[in-house]
Amino acid sequence: LALDLHVIDDGPGIPDEIRDRIFYPLVSGREGGSGLGLTLAQTFVQQHQGTIECESEPGRTLFKIVIPLP
């Protein structure tokens, strides 16, 4: 049994040049972004033995979060 959460965004997508590093600290695709949001999200998900993944193309970015339930 697990929580399976999908978050979809219809913005410009994640640039190819940072896609493999988006969960690293201080990596941001937004001007003025701190680059901490996805790092923190990944940390919280992993603290609950879960996973977070991302698929992105222009016009559609999908984050998949799976957290096992007790």
N, C-alpha and C. Protein backbone atom coordinates (compact mmCIF):
# COMPACT_ATOMS: atom_id res chain seq x y z
N LEU A 1 0.85 -1.17 0.00
CA LEU A 1 0.00 0.00 0.00
C LEU A 1 0.90 1.23 0.00
N ALA A 2 0.61 2.19 -0.88
CA ALA A 2 1.45 3.37 -0.99
C ALA A 2 0.63 4.57 -1.46
N LEU A 3 1.10 5.74 -1.09
CA LEU A 3 0.57 6.98 -1.62
C LEU A 3 1.27 7.21 -2.96
N ASP A 4 0.49 7.44 -4.01
CA ASP A 4 1.03 7.68 -5.35
C ASP A 4 0.51 9.04 -5.80
N LEU A 5 1.36 10.05 -5.73
CA LEU A 5 0.97 11.43 -6.00
C LEU A 5 1.65 11.90 -7.28
N HIS A 6 0.85 12.45 -8.20
CA HIS A 6 1.39 13.01 -9.44
C HIS A 6 1.07 14.50 -9.45
N VAL A 7 2.10 15.31 -9.71
CA VAL A 7 1.93 16.76 -9.81
C VAL A 7 2.33 17.14 -11.23
N ILE A 8 1.40 17.77 -11.96
CA ILE A 8 1.63 18.12 -13.36
C ILE A 8 1.60 19.63 -13.51
N ASP A 9 2.57 20.14 -14.27
CA ASP A 9 2.68 21.57 -14.53
C ASP A 9 2.67 21.76 -16.04
N ASP A 10 1.98 22.79 -16.52
CA ASP A 10 1.92 23.03 -17.97
C ASP A 10 2.81 24.19 -18.41
N GLY A 11 3.83 24.49 -17.63
CA GLY A 11 4.76 25.58 -17.95
C GLY A 11 5.76 25.19 -19.03
N PRO A 12 6.86 25.92 -19.11
CA PRO A 12 7.82 25.72 -20.21
C PRO A 12 8.65 24.44 -20.11
N GLY A 13 8.58 23.75 -19.00
CA GLY A 13 9.39 22.54 -18.83
C GLY A 13 10.73 22.85 -18.17
N ILE A 14 11.46 21.80 -17.88
CA ILE A 14 12.77 21.95 -17.24
C ILE A 14 13.84 21.93 -18.33
N PRO A 15 14.72 22.92 -18.35
CA PRO A 15 15.75 22.97 -19.39
C PRO A 15 16.60 21.70 -19.41
N ASP A 16 16.93 21.21 -20.61
CA ASP A 16 17.74 20.01 -20.76
C ASP A 16 19.04 20.07 -19.98
N GLU A 17 19.67 21.24 -19.96
CA GLU A 17 21.00 21.36 -19.35
C GLU A 17 21.00 21.17 -17.83
N ILE A 18 19.85 21.25 -17.18
CA ILE A 18 19.82 21.02 -15.73
C ILE A 18 18.94 19.83 -15.34
N ARG A 19 18.32 19.18 -16.30
CA ARG A 19 17.34 18.13 -16.00
C ARG A 19 17.92 17.02 -15.13
N ASP A 20 19.18 16.63 -15.37
CA ASP A 20 19.76 15.53 -14.58
C ASP A 20 20.26 15.99 -13.21
N ARG A 21 20.13 17.29 -12.91
CA ARG A 21 20.62 17.83 -11.63
C ARG A 21 19.55 18.56 -10.83
N ILE A 22 18.29 18.46 -11.20
CA ILE A 22 17.26 19.30 -10.58
C ILE A 22 17.06 19.05 -9.09
N PHE A 23 17.46 17.87 -8.61
CA PHE A 23 17.31 17.59 -7.18
C PHE A 23 18.57 17.95 -6.38
N TYR A 24 19.59 18.47 -7.06
CA TYR A 24 20.81 18.90 -6.36
C TYR A 24 20.58 20.26 -5.72
N PRO A 25 21.23 20.53 -4.59
CA PRO A 25 21.09 21.85 -3.95
C PRO A 25 21.61 22.97 -4.86
N LEU A 26 20.94 24.08 -4.82
CA LEU A 26 21.31 25.32 -5.50
C LEU A 26 21.19 25.26 -7.01
N VAL A 27 20.49 24.27 -7.56
CA VAL A 27 20.22 24.20 -8.99
C VAL A 27 18.80 24.69 -9.22
N SER A 28 18.66 25.74 -10.03
CA SER A 28 17.34 26.30 -10.28
C SER A 28 17.19 26.65 -11.75
N GLY A 29 16.03 26.43 -12.28
CA GLY A 29 15.73 26.81 -13.66
C GLY A 29 14.99 28.13 -13.73
N ARG A 30 14.71 28.72 -12.57
CA ARG A 30 13.96 29.98 -12.53
C ARG A 30 14.88 31.12 -12.11
N GLU A 31 14.71 32.25 -12.75
CA GLU A 31 15.47 33.42 -12.35
C GLU A 31 15.05 33.82 -10.93
N GLY A 32 16.01 33.99 -10.07
CA GLY A 32 15.74 34.34 -8.68
C GLY A 32 15.39 33.15 -7.81
N GLY A 33 15.39 31.94 -8.37
CA GLY A 33 15.10 30.74 -7.59
C GLY A 33 16.27 30.39 -6.69
N SER A 34 15.99 29.82 -5.53
CA SER A 34 17.05 29.47 -4.58
C SER A 34 17.67 28.11 -4.90
N GLY A 35 16.94 27.26 -5.62
CA GLY A 35 17.45 25.93 -5.91
C GLY A 35 17.36 24.99 -4.72
N LEU A 36 16.48 25.28 -3.78
CA LEU A 36 16.35 24.43 -2.60
C LEU A 36 15.03 23.66 -2.55
N GLY A 37 14.03 24.09 -3.29
CA GLY A 37 12.71 23.49 -3.21
C GLY A 37 12.68 22.01 -3.54
N LEU A 38 13.25 21.61 -4.67
CA LEU A 38 13.22 20.20 -5.05
C LEU A 38 14.17 19.37 -4.20
N THR A 39 15.26 19.98 -3.76
CA THR A 39 16.18 19.28 -2.84
C THR A 39 15.45 18.94 -1.54
N LEU A 40 14.71 19.91 -1.00
CA LEU A 40 13.96 19.67 0.23
C LEU A 40 12.85 18.65 0.01
N ALA A 41 12.16 18.76 -1.13
CA ALA A 41 11.09 17.80 -1.42
C ALA A 41 11.66 16.38 -1.47
N GLN A 42 12.78 16.21 -2.15
CA GLN A 42 13.40 14.89 -2.23
C GLN A 42 13.82 14.38 -0.86
N THR A 43 14.37 15.25 -0.04
CA THR A 43 14.79 14.87 1.31
C THR A 43 13.60 14.39 2.14
N PHE A 44 12.50 15.13 2.10
CA PHE A 44 11.30 14.74 2.87
C PHE A 44 10.73 13.42 2.37
N VAL A 45 10.67 13.25 1.07
CA VAL A 45 10.15 12.00 0.50
C VAL A 45 11.04 10.82 0.90
N GLN A 46 12.35 11.00 0.80
CA GLN A 46 13.28 9.92 1.16
C GLN A 46 13.23 9.60 2.65
N GLN A 47 12.98 10.59 3.49
CA GLN A 47 12.85 10.34 4.93
C GLN A 47 11.68 9.41 5.24
N HIS A 48 10.74 9.32 4.32
CA HIS A 48 9.59 8.43 4.47
C HIS A 48 9.72 7.20 3.57
N GLN A 49 10.96 6.88 3.19
CA GLN A 49 11.29 5.73 2.35
C GLN A 49 10.58 5.75 1.00
N GLY A 50 10.35 6.96 0.49
CA GLY A 50 9.67 7.11 -0.79
C GLY A 50 10.62 7.49 -1.91
N THR A 51 10.03 7.68 -3.08
CA THR A 51 10.79 8.10 -4.26
C THR A 51 10.10 9.29 -4.91
N ILE A 52 10.90 10.11 -5.60
CA ILE A 52 10.37 11.21 -6.39
C ILE A 52 11.10 11.19 -7.72
N GLU A 53 10.33 11.28 -8.80
CA GLU A 53 10.88 11.26 -10.15
C GLU A 53 10.26 12.39 -10.96
N CYS A 54 10.94 12.74 -12.04
CA CYS A 54 10.47 13.83 -12.88
C CYS A 54 10.58 13.46 -14.35
N GLU A 55 9.53 13.82 -15.10
CA GLU A 55 9.54 13.74 -16.56
C GLU A 55 9.15 15.13 -17.05
N SER A 56 9.89 15.66 -18.04
CA SER A 56 9.60 17.02 -18.47
C SER A 56 9.82 17.20 -19.96
N GLU A 57 8.90 17.94 -20.55
CA GLU A 57 9.01 18.40 -21.92
C GLU A 57 8.29 19.75 -21.96
N PRO A 58 8.55 20.56 -22.97
CA PRO A 58 7.86 21.86 -23.02
C PRO A 58 6.34 21.68 -22.95
N GLY A 59 5.71 22.39 -22.03
CA GLY A 59 4.27 22.33 -21.87
C GLY A 59 3.77 21.28 -20.90
N ARG A 60 4.67 20.41 -20.40
CA ARG A 60 4.21 19.38 -19.46
C ARG A 60 5.39 18.85 -18.64
N THR A 61 5.33 19.08 -17.35
CA THR A 61 6.29 18.50 -16.42
C THR A 61 5.50 17.69 -15.40
N LEU A 62 5.96 16.47 -15.16
CA LEU A 62 5.28 15.55 -14.25
C LEU A 62 6.25 15.12 -13.16
N PHE A 63 5.86 15.33 -11.91
CA PHE A 63 6.59 14.80 -10.77
C PHE A 63 5.78 13.66 -10.20
N LYS A 64 6.42 12.50 -10.03
CA LYS A 64 5.77 11.32 -9.44
C LYS A 64 6.39 11.07 -8.07
N ILE A 65 5.55 11.07 -7.05
CA ILE A 65 5.98 10.81 -5.68
C ILE A 65 5.28 9.56 -5.20
N VAL A 66 6.05 8.61 -4.70
CA VAL A 66 5.49 7.38 -4.14
C VAL A 66 6.04 7.23 -2.72
N ILE A 67 5.13 7.12 -1.75
CA ILE A 67 5.51 6.95 -0.35
C ILE A 67 4.76 5.75 0.20
N PRO A 68 5.51 4.75 0.71
CA PRO A 68 4.83 3.59 1.29
C PRO A 68 4.04 3.99 2.52
N LEU A 69 2.87 3.38 2.69
CA LEU A 69 2.04 3.65 3.85
C LEU A 69 2.18 2.48 4.84
N PRO A 70 2.14 2.80 6.14
CA PRO A 70 2.32 1.73 7.13
C PRO A 70 1.17 0.74 7.13
